[in-house]
Amino acid sequence: MADLLGPKVKQQHVWNWLNRDKRLPERYAMRVHRATEAKGTLVPAWELCPEAFCEEDIVATA
């Protein structure tokens, strides 16, 4: 996942999100959405950060 999110995101960041923080920072939700969509296994931004994104907004802009 770190490789898909760009050079500034390290494996340690992903580990911290999963194990320490228990959530993905909002600023990465759309990157994960796009990266997983491109791989064929969509993880929607609205599931990662429901307080920041709603399905209708993202689907309407696609």
Protein backbone atom coordinates (compact mmCIF):
# COMPACT_ATOMS: atom_id res chain seq x y z
CA MET A 1 0.00 0.00 0.00
CA ALA A 2 2.82 2.41 0.83
CA ASP A 3 4.19 1.98 -2.71
CA LEU A 4 0.80 2.86 -4.19
CA LEU A 5 0.44 6.04 -2.13
CA GLY A 6 3.65 7.70 -3.25
CA PRO A 7 7.22 8.26 -2.15
CA LYS A 8 6.37 10.21 1.02
CA VAL A 9 4.34 7.35 2.49
CA LYS A 10 6.47 4.69 4.12
CA GLN A 11 5.51 1.20 5.25
CA GLN A 12 5.81 2.46 8.84
CA HIS A 13 3.07 5.02 8.16
CA VAL A 14 0.71 2.29 6.99
CA TRP A 15 1.58 0.16 10.03
CA ASN A 16 0.84 3.08 12.35
CA TRP A 17 -2.52 3.73 10.69
CA LEU A 18 -3.53 0.10 11.05
CA ASN A 19 -2.12 -0.66 14.48
CA ARG A 20 -1.69 2.54 16.45
CA ASP A 21 -4.15 5.07 15.06
CA LYS A 22 -6.81 2.57 13.93
CA ARG A 23 -7.75 4.92 11.09
CA LEU A 24 -6.46 6.32 7.84
CA PRO A 25 -5.76 10.05 7.69
CA GLU A 26 -8.41 11.81 5.62
CA ARG A 27 -5.86 13.22 3.18
CA TYR A 28 -4.99 9.69 1.98
CA ALA A 29 -8.52 8.29 1.61
CA MET A 30 -8.94 9.30 -2.04
CA ARG A 31 -5.46 8.04 -2.89
CA VAL A 32 -6.33 4.63 -1.44
CA HIS A 33 -9.68 4.75 -3.24
CA ARG A 34 -8.02 5.41 -6.61
CA ALA A 35 -5.14 2.99 -6.07
CA THR A 36 -7.38 0.10 -5.06
CA GLU A 37 -9.84 0.88 -7.84
CA ALA A 38 -7.00 0.69 -10.36
CA LYS A 39 -5.98 -2.70 -8.92
CA GLY A 40 -9.55 -3.98 -9.24
CA THR A 41 -10.30 -4.29 -5.52
CA LEU A 42 -11.95 -1.01 -4.59
CA VAL A 43 -11.75 0.18 -1.00
CA PRO A 44 -14.08 3.19 -1.07
CA ALA A 45 -13.05 6.49 0.50
CA TRP A 46 -16.45 6.76 2.21
CA GLU A 47 -15.71 3.51 4.10
CA LEU A 48 -12.24 4.68 5.10
CA CYS A 49 -13.33 8.15 6.27
CA PRO A 50 -17.12 8.31 6.49
CA GLU A 51 -16.94 11.63 8.36
CA ALA A 52 -15.26 13.26 5.36
CA PHE A 53 -16.68 11.51 2.28
CA CYS A 54 -20.04 10.25 1.13
CA GLU A 55 -20.65 7.82 -1.68
CA GLU A 56 -22.93 10.15 -3.61
CA ASP A 57 -20.31 12.91 -3.84
CA ILE A 58 -17.58 10.60 -5.10
CA VAL A 59 -19.76 8.71 -7.57
CA ALA A 60 -21.10 12.01 -8.97
CA THR A 61 -17.57 13.29 -9.68
CA ALA A 62 -16.31 10.05 -11.24
